[in-house]
N, C-alpha and C. Protein backbone atom coordinates (compact mmCIF):
# COMPACT_ATOMS: atom_id res chain seq x y z
N UNK A 1 10.88 14.80 17.49
CA UNK A 1 11.23 13.42 17.33
C UNK A 1 11.96 13.25 16.00
N UNK A 2 13.06 12.50 16.01
CA UNK A 2 13.88 12.34 14.82
C UNK A 2 13.53 11.04 14.10
N UNK A 3 12.78 11.15 13.01
CA UNK A 3 12.42 9.98 12.22
C UNK A 3 13.17 9.94 10.89
N UNK A 4 14.15 10.81 10.70
CA UNK A 4 14.82 10.92 9.42
C UNK A 4 15.39 9.61 8.90
N UNK A 5 16.31 9.03 9.63
CA UNK A 5 16.93 7.78 9.17
C UNK A 5 15.97 6.60 9.30
N UNK A 6 15.09 6.64 10.27
CA UNK A 6 14.08 5.59 10.39
C UNK A 6 13.14 5.62 9.19
N UNK A 7 12.87 6.82 8.68
CA UNK A 7 12.03 6.94 7.49
C UNK A 7 12.69 6.33 6.28
N UNK A 8 14.00 6.51 6.17
CA UNK A 8 14.74 5.92 5.06
C UNK A 8 14.74 4.40 5.18
N UNK A 9 14.93 3.89 6.39
CA UNK A 9 14.88 2.45 6.60
C UNK A 9 13.48 1.91 6.31
N UNK A 10 12.46 2.67 6.66
CA UNK A 10 11.09 2.24 6.39
C UNK A 10 10.83 2.14 4.88
N UNK A 11 11.40 3.06 4.12
CA UNK A 11 11.26 2.99 2.66
C UNK A 11 11.88 1.70 2.14
N UNK A 12 13.04 1.33 2.67
CA UNK A 12 13.70 0.10 2.26
C UNK A 12 12.83 -1.12 2.57
N UNK A 13 12.25 -1.15 3.76
CA UNK A 13 11.41 -2.28 4.15
C UNK A 13 10.16 -2.35 3.27
N UNK A 14 9.53 -1.22 3.04
CA UNK A 14 8.31 -1.21 2.20
C UNK A 14 8.65 -1.63 0.77
N UNK A 15 9.76 -1.14 0.24
CA UNK A 15 10.17 -1.53 -1.12
C UNK A 15 10.49 -3.03 -1.17
N UNK A 16 11.07 -3.56 -0.11
CA UNK A 16 11.36 -5.00 -0.04
C UNK A 16 10.06 -5.80 -0.11
N UNK A 17 9.06 -5.37 0.63
CA UNK A 17 7.77 -6.06 0.62
C UNK A 17 7.12 -5.95 -0.76
N UNK A 18 7.24 -4.79 -1.39
CA UNK A 18 6.72 -4.63 -2.76
C UNK A 18 7.43 -5.60 -3.70
N UNK A 19 8.75 -5.73 -3.56
CA UNK A 19 9.51 -6.66 -4.38
C UNK A 19 9.06 -8.10 -4.17
N UNK A 20 8.83 -8.48 -2.93
CA UNK A 20 8.34 -9.84 -2.64
C UNK A 20 6.96 -10.06 -3.24
N UNK A 21 6.13 -9.03 -3.19
CA UNK A 21 4.78 -9.13 -3.77
C UNK A 21 4.85 -9.31 -5.27
N UNK A 22 5.71 -8.54 -5.92
CA UNK A 22 5.88 -8.67 -7.37
C UNK A 22 6.39 -10.05 -7.72
N UNK A 23 7.36 -10.54 -6.93
CA UNK A 23 7.92 -11.87 -7.17
C UNK A 23 6.85 -12.94 -7.05
N UNK A 24 6.00 -12.83 -6.04
CA UNK A 24 4.93 -13.82 -5.82
C UNK A 24 3.83 -13.73 -6.87
N UNK A 25 3.70 -12.57 -7.51
CA UNK A 25 2.62 -12.39 -8.48
C UNK A 25 2.90 -13.05 -9.81
N UNK A 26 4.14 -13.45 -10.03
CA UNK A 26 4.48 -14.10 -11.29
C UNK A 26 4.99 -13.17 -12.37
N UNK A 27 5.05 -11.88 -12.08
CA UNK A 27 5.63 -10.93 -13.03
C UNK A 27 7.11 -11.26 -13.18
N UNK A 28 7.65 -11.05 -14.36
CA UNK A 28 9.05 -11.33 -14.63
C UNK A 28 9.94 -10.63 -13.60
N UNK A 29 10.89 -11.38 -13.04
CA UNK A 29 11.75 -10.86 -11.98
C UNK A 29 12.63 -9.69 -12.43
N UNK A 30 12.82 -9.52 -13.73
CA UNK A 30 13.67 -8.41 -14.19
C UNK A 30 13.06 -7.04 -13.85
N UNK A 31 11.76 -7.01 -13.56
CA UNK A 31 11.10 -5.75 -13.24
C UNK A 31 11.18 -5.38 -11.77
N UNK A 32 11.60 -6.30 -10.93
CA UNK A 32 11.61 -6.05 -9.50
C UNK A 32 12.50 -4.86 -9.12
N UNK A 33 13.76 -4.77 -9.58
CA UNK A 33 14.57 -3.60 -9.20
C UNK A 33 13.96 -2.27 -9.66
N UNK A 34 13.38 -2.26 -10.85
CA UNK A 34 12.78 -1.04 -11.37
C UNK A 34 11.57 -0.64 -10.52
N UNK A 35 10.73 -1.61 -10.18
CA UNK A 35 9.55 -1.31 -9.37
C UNK A 35 9.94 -0.90 -7.95
N UNK A 36 10.99 -1.51 -7.40
CA UNK A 36 11.47 -1.10 -6.07
C UNK A 36 12.02 0.32 -6.11
N UNK A 37 12.76 0.65 -7.16
CA UNK A 37 13.30 2.01 -7.29
C UNK A 37 12.19 3.03 -7.47
N UNK A 38 11.21 2.73 -8.30
CA UNK A 38 10.09 3.66 -8.51
C UNK A 38 9.25 3.83 -7.25
N UNK A 39 8.97 2.72 -6.57
CA UNK A 39 8.19 2.85 -5.33
C UNK A 39 9.00 3.59 -4.28
N UNK A 40 10.30 3.38 -4.25
CA UNK A 40 11.15 4.12 -3.32
C UNK A 40 11.14 5.61 -3.61
N UNK A 41 11.18 5.97 -4.89
CA UNK A 41 11.14 7.38 -5.27
C UNK A 41 9.84 8.03 -4.81
N UNK A 42 8.74 7.36 -5.04
CA UNK A 42 7.44 7.90 -4.62
C UNK A 42 7.35 8.00 -3.10
N UNK A 43 7.84 6.98 -2.41
CA UNK A 43 7.81 7.02 -0.95
C UNK A 43 8.76 8.08 -0.40
N UNK A 44 9.87 8.31 -1.08
CA UNK A 44 10.80 9.35 -0.65
C UNK A 44 10.18 10.73 -0.75
N UNK A 45 9.50 10.99 -1.86
CA UNK A 45 8.84 12.29 -2.02
C UNK A 45 7.72 12.44 -0.99
N UNK A 46 6.95 11.37 -0.78
CA UNK A 46 5.89 11.43 0.24
C UNK A 46 6.49 11.64 1.62
N UNK A 47 7.60 10.98 1.90
CA UNK A 47 8.26 11.13 3.19
C UNK A 47 8.73 12.55 3.45
N UNK A 48 9.17 13.23 2.41
CA UNK A 48 9.61 14.61 2.55
C UNK A 48 8.47 15.50 3.05
N UNK A 49 7.27 15.24 2.57
CA UNK A 49 6.12 16.05 2.96
C UNK A 49 5.51 15.62 4.29
N UNK A 50 5.63 14.34 4.63
CA UNK A 50 4.96 13.81 5.81
C UNK A 50 5.84 13.85 7.05
N UNK A 51 7.13 13.56 6.90
CA UNK A 51 8.04 13.49 8.04
C UNK A 51 8.87 14.76 8.16
N UNK A 52 8.76 15.45 9.26
CA UNK A 52 9.48 16.73 9.39
C UNK A 52 11.00 16.59 9.39
N UNK A 53 11.53 15.44 9.83
CA UNK A 53 12.98 15.26 9.90
C UNK A 53 13.53 14.42 8.75
N UNK A 54 12.78 14.28 7.68
CA UNK A 54 13.25 13.50 6.53
C UNK A 54 14.52 14.14 5.98
N UNK A 55 15.52 13.33 5.64
CA UNK A 55 16.83 13.90 5.24
C UNK A 55 16.88 14.45 3.82
N UNK A 56 15.85 15.14 3.40
CA UNK A 56 15.84 15.79 2.09
C UNK A 56 14.93 17.00 2.17
N UNK A 57 15.35 18.07 1.50
CA UNK A 57 14.56 19.29 1.55
C UNK A 57 13.91 19.66 0.23
N UNK A 58 14.21 18.89 -0.82
CA UNK A 58 13.59 19.16 -2.12
C UNK A 58 13.18 17.84 -2.76
N UNK A 59 12.35 17.94 -3.77
CA UNK A 59 11.75 16.76 -4.38
C UNK A 59 12.80 15.87 -5.04
N UNK A 60 13.77 16.46 -5.73
CA UNK A 60 14.79 15.67 -6.43
C UNK A 60 15.61 14.86 -5.43
N UNK A 61 16.05 15.49 -4.37
CA UNK A 61 16.84 14.79 -3.36
C UNK A 61 16.00 13.73 -2.67
N UNK A 62 14.75 14.04 -2.36
CA UNK A 62 13.87 13.07 -1.72
C UNK A 62 13.66 11.86 -2.63
N UNK A 63 13.47 12.09 -3.93
CA UNK A 63 13.31 10.99 -4.87
C UNK A 63 14.60 10.16 -4.95
N UNK A 64 15.75 10.83 -4.94
CA UNK A 64 17.03 10.12 -4.98
C UNK A 64 17.24 9.26 -3.74
N UNK A 65 16.91 9.81 -2.57
CA UNK A 65 17.01 9.04 -1.33
C UNK A 65 16.09 7.82 -1.41
N UNK A 66 14.90 8.01 -1.93
CA UNK A 66 13.95 6.91 -2.07
C UNK A 66 14.41 5.86 -3.07
N UNK A 67 14.98 6.30 -4.18
CA UNK A 67 15.49 5.34 -5.18
C UNK A 67 16.60 4.49 -4.60
N UNK A 68 17.53 5.13 -3.92
CA UNK A 68 18.62 4.38 -3.29
C UNK A 68 18.08 3.41 -2.25
N UNK A 69 17.10 3.84 -1.48
CA UNK A 69 16.49 2.95 -0.48
C UNK A 69 15.77 1.78 -1.15
N UNK A 70 15.07 2.05 -2.24
CA UNK A 70 14.39 0.98 -2.97
C UNK A 70 15.36 -0.02 -3.56
N UNK A 71 16.46 0.48 -4.11
CA UNK A 71 17.46 -0.42 -4.66
C UNK A 71 18.20 -1.17 -3.56
N UNK A 72 18.31 -0.58 -2.38
CA UNK A 72 18.91 -1.28 -1.24
C UNK A 72 18.06 -2.50 -0.86
N UNK A 73 16.76 -2.39 -1.04
CA UNK A 73 15.88 -3.53 -0.78
C UNK A 73 16.20 -4.67 -1.73
N UNK A 74 16.46 -4.36 -2.99
CA UNK A 74 16.84 -5.38 -3.96
C UNK A 74 18.17 -6.02 -3.57
N UNK A 75 19.10 -5.19 -3.13
CA UNK A 75 20.40 -5.70 -2.70
C UNK A 75 20.27 -6.59 -1.47
N UNK A 76 19.41 -6.20 -0.55
CA UNK A 76 19.19 -7.02 0.65
C UNK A 76 18.61 -8.37 0.28
N UNK A 77 17.69 -8.38 -0.67
CA UNK A 77 17.11 -9.64 -1.12
C UNK A 77 18.18 -10.54 -1.73
N UNK A 78 19.05 -9.96 -2.54
CA UNK A 78 20.11 -10.75 -3.16
C UNK A 78 21.11 -11.26 -2.13
N UNK A 79 21.40 -10.45 -1.12
CA UNK A 79 22.31 -10.88 -0.07
C UNK A 79 21.73 -12.09 0.68
N UNK A 80 20.44 -12.02 1.00
CA UNK A 80 19.79 -13.14 1.68
C UNK A 80 19.81 -14.37 0.80
N UNK A 81 19.53 -14.19 -0.48
CA UNK A 81 19.53 -15.31 -1.43
C UNK A 81 20.91 -15.94 -1.51
N UNK A 82 21.96 -15.13 -1.60
CA UNK A 82 23.32 -15.65 -1.69
C UNK A 82 23.72 -16.37 -0.42
N UNK A 83 23.29 -15.87 0.73
CA UNK A 83 23.62 -16.53 1.99
C UNK A 83 22.94 -17.90 2.07
N UNK A 84 21.71 -17.99 1.60
CA UNK A 84 21.00 -19.26 1.59
C UNK A 84 21.66 -20.24 0.63
N UNK A 85 22.05 -19.76 -0.55
CA UNK A 85 22.71 -20.61 -1.54
C UNK A 85 24.05 -21.10 -1.00
N UNK A 86 24.75 -20.24 -0.27
CA UNK A 86 26.04 -20.61 0.32
C UNK A 86 25.90 -21.70 1.37
N UNK A 87 24.81 -21.65 2.14
CA UNK A 87 24.57 -22.66 3.16
C UNK A 87 24.32 -24.02 2.54
N UNK A 88 23.58 -24.05 1.44
CA UNK A 88 23.26 -25.33 0.80
C UNK A 88 24.46 -25.91 0.07
N UNK A 89 25.39 -25.05 -0.36
CA UNK A 89 26.58 -25.53 -1.07
C UNK A 89 27.73 -25.82 -0.12
N UNK A 90 27.66 -25.29 1.11
CA UNK A 90 28.78 -25.39 2.03
C UNK A 90 28.70 -26.57 2.86
């Protein structure tokens, strides 16, 4: 079963939820991208060991895939925010 790209998407979703949790907790929003990237890195390394089809074969690459996925969650949040702001201004 091929879970490689689905695993990467799952990291993005989990990092997004972590970002929302941090935002709701009252922690300064400037930490959200860093926490999403760090959680993505940890999830990427875990994914390498847990998922046989994960698109990385070493720890550094797995962490990099996770970081990019975690930062993609931050970008997705900003895209949603901008779309909502555009609707209210349009």
